[in-house]
């Protein structure tokens, strides 16, 4: 079993493969999450949290992204009449 820092680094690599930019910031308040900056997907991790908390934040952020993007039809999903 790998340690939490290794799992966090692996998960960050996976998230980058999904097209995200990962930013670590001292957020001091609001929960870490993802957003679109222009056309770039960005996920924020709070440096004030432990590695295990950052891993949880990352998983929650990606789950939120997947829930939002899978709920919205894209133009390729819509049929033209």
C-alpha atoms as a PDB file:
ATOM      1  CA  UNK A   1       0.000   0.000   0.000  1.00  0.00           C
ATOM      2  CA  UNK A   2       1.420   3.363  -0.976  1.00  0.00           C
ATOM      3  CA  UNK A   3       1.487   6.287   1.411  1.00  0.00           C
ATOM      4  CA  UNK A   4      -0.912   9.194   1.139  1.00  0.00           C
ATOM      5  CA  UNK A   5       1.600  11.563  -0.505  1.00  0.00           C
ATOM      6  CA  UNK A   6       2.262   9.009  -3.257  1.00  0.00           C
ATOM      7  CA  UNK A   7      -1.493   8.535  -3.752  1.00  0.00           C
ATOM      8  CA  UNK A   8      -1.986  12.313  -3.906  1.00  0.00           C
ATOM      9  CA  UNK A   9       0.781  12.679  -6.499  1.00  0.00           C
ATOM     10  CA  UNK A  10      -0.681   9.808  -8.551  1.00  0.00           C
ATOM     11  CA  UNK A  11      -4.160  11.333  -8.406  1.00  0.00           C
ATOM     12  CA  UNK A  12      -2.795  14.744  -9.441  1.00  0.00           C
ATOM     13  CA  UNK A  13      -1.144  13.078 -12.456  1.00  0.00           C
ATOM     14  CA  UNK A  14      -4.462  11.408 -13.363  1.00  0.00           C
ATOM     15  CA  UNK A  15      -6.337  14.701 -13.049  1.00  0.00           C
ATOM     16  CA  UNK A  16      -3.785  16.402 -15.306  1.00  0.00           C
ATOM     17  CA  UNK A  17      -4.367  13.632 -17.866  1.00  0.00           C
ATOM     18  CA  UNK A  18      -8.056  14.617 -17.755  1.00  0.00           C
ATOM     19  CA  UNK A  19      -7.030  18.086 -18.944  1.00  0.00           C
ATOM     20  CA  UNK A  20      -6.970  19.919 -15.626  1.00  0.00           C
ATOM     21  CA  UNK A  21      -4.385  22.339 -14.370  1.00  0.00           C
ATOM     22  CA  UNK A  22      -3.798  21.742 -10.650  1.00  0.00           C
ATOM     23  CA  UNK A  23      -3.144  24.814  -8.512  1.00  0.00           C
ATOM     24  CA  UNK A  24      -2.119  24.684  -4.890  1.00  0.00           C
ATOM     25  CA  UNK A  25      -3.045  27.805  -2.953  1.00  0.00           C
ATOM     26  CA  UNK A  26      -3.518  28.916   0.636  1.00  0.00           C
ATOM     27  CA  UNK A  27      -7.290  29.182   0.344  1.00  0.00           C
ATOM     28  CA  UNK A  28      -8.027  29.757   4.041  1.00  0.00           C
ATOM     29  CA  UNK A  29     -11.751  29.388   3.961  1.00  0.00           C
ATOM     30  CA  UNK A  30     -13.789  28.183   1.026  1.00  0.00           C
ATOM     31  CA  UNK A  31     -13.559  24.550   0.069  1.00  0.00           C
ATOM     32  CA  UNK A  32     -11.245  23.599  -2.753  1.00  0.00           C
ATOM     33  CA  UNK A  33     -13.015  22.999  -6.032  1.00  0.00           C
ATOM     34  CA  UNK A  34     -12.651  23.240  -9.798  1.00  0.00           C
ATOM     35  CA  UNK A  35     -13.550  25.971 -12.263  1.00  0.00           C
ATOM     36  CA  UNK A  36     -13.042  27.062 -15.842  1.00  0.00           C
ATOM     37  CA  UNK A  37     -10.596  29.902 -16.404  1.00  0.00           C
ATOM     38  CA  UNK A  38     -11.147  30.724 -20.039  1.00  0.00           C
ATOM     39  CA  UNK A  39     -11.083  27.299 -21.649  1.00  0.00           C
ATOM     40  CA  UNK A  40      -8.747  25.769 -19.065  1.00  0.00           C
ATOM     41  CA  UNK A  41     -10.158  23.458 -16.393  1.00  0.00           C
ATOM     42  CA  UNK A  42      -8.476  24.251 -13.081  1.00  0.00           C
ATOM     43  CA  UNK A  43      -8.718  22.427  -9.773  1.00  0.00           C
ATOM     44  CA  UNK A  44      -7.596  24.150  -6.588  1.00  0.00           C
ATOM     45  CA  UNK A  45      -6.079  22.412  -3.569  1.00  0.00           C
ATOM     46  CA  UNK A  46      -5.679  24.113  -0.204  1.00  0.00           C
ATOM     47  CA  UNK A  47      -2.048  24.068   0.969  1.00  0.00           C
ATOM     48  CA  UNK A  48      -3.160  24.637   4.549  1.00  0.00           C
ATOM     49  CA  UNK A  49      -4.578  21.096   4.607  1.00  0.00           C
ATOM     50  CA  UNK A  50      -2.770  17.792   5.053  1.00  0.00           C
ATOM     51  CA  UNK A  51      -2.004  15.511   2.109  1.00  0.00           C
ATOM     52  CA  UNK A  52      -4.902  13.215   3.040  1.00  0.00           C
ATOM     53  CA  UNK A  53      -7.287  16.187   3.149  1.00  0.00           C
ATOM     54  CA  UNK A  54      -5.962  17.441  -0.205  1.00  0.00           C
ATOM     55  CA  UNK A  55      -6.530  13.985  -1.691  1.00  0.00           C
ATOM     56  CA  UNK A  56     -10.111  14.059  -0.419  1.00  0.00           C
ATOM     57  CA  UNK A  57     -10.571  17.597  -1.818  1.00  0.00           C
ATOM     58  CA  UNK A  58      -9.251  16.471  -5.184  1.00  0.00           C
ATOM     59  CA  UNK A  59     -11.575  13.467  -5.313  1.00  0.00           C
ATOM     60  CA  UNK A  60     -14.559  15.618  -4.321  1.00  0.00           C
ATOM     61  CA  UNK A  61     -13.684  18.267  -6.908  1.00  0.00           C
ATOM     62  CA  UNK A  62     -13.436  15.716  -9.715  1.00  0.00           C
ATOM     63  CA  UNK A  63     -16.682  14.056  -8.614  1.00  0.00           C
ATOM     64  CA  UNK A  64     -18.341  17.488  -8.748  1.00  0.00           C
ATOM     65  CA  UNK A  65     -16.911  18.114 -12.219  1.00  0.00           C
ATOM     66  CA  UNK A  66     -18.110  14.743 -13.511  1.00  0.00           C
ATOM     67  CA  UNK A  67     -21.586  15.211 -12.026  1.00  0.00           C
ATOM     68  CA  UNK A  68     -21.956  18.648 -13.605  1.00  0.00           C
ATOM     69  CA  UNK A  69     -20.570  17.768 -17.010  1.00  0.00           C
ATOM     70  CA  UNK A  70     -22.456  14.486 -17.329  1.00  0.00           C
ATOM     71  CA  UNK A  71     -25.728  16.197 -16.405  1.00  0.00           C
ATOM     72  CA  UNK A  72     -25.457  18.758 -19.221  1.00  0.00           C
ATOM     73  CA  UNK A  73     -25.955  17.676 -22.840  1.00  0.00           C
ATOM     74  CA  UNK A  74     -23.236  18.815 -25.194  1.00  0.00           C
ATOM     75  CA  UNK A  75     -23.795  20.041 -28.730  1.00  0.00           C
ATOM     76  CA  UNK A  76     -22.612  16.688 -30.049  1.00  0.00           C
ATOM     77  CA  UNK A  77     -25.315  14.977 -27.954  1.00  0.00           C
ATOM     78  CA  UNK A  78     -28.099  17.116 -29.398  1.00  0.00           C
ATOM     79  CA  UNK A  79     -29.727  16.174 -32.661  1.00  0.00           C
ATOM     80  CA  UNK A  80     -30.411  18.818 -35.264  1.00  0.00           C
ATOM     81  CA  UNK A  81     -34.002  18.771 -36.538  1.00  0.00           C
END
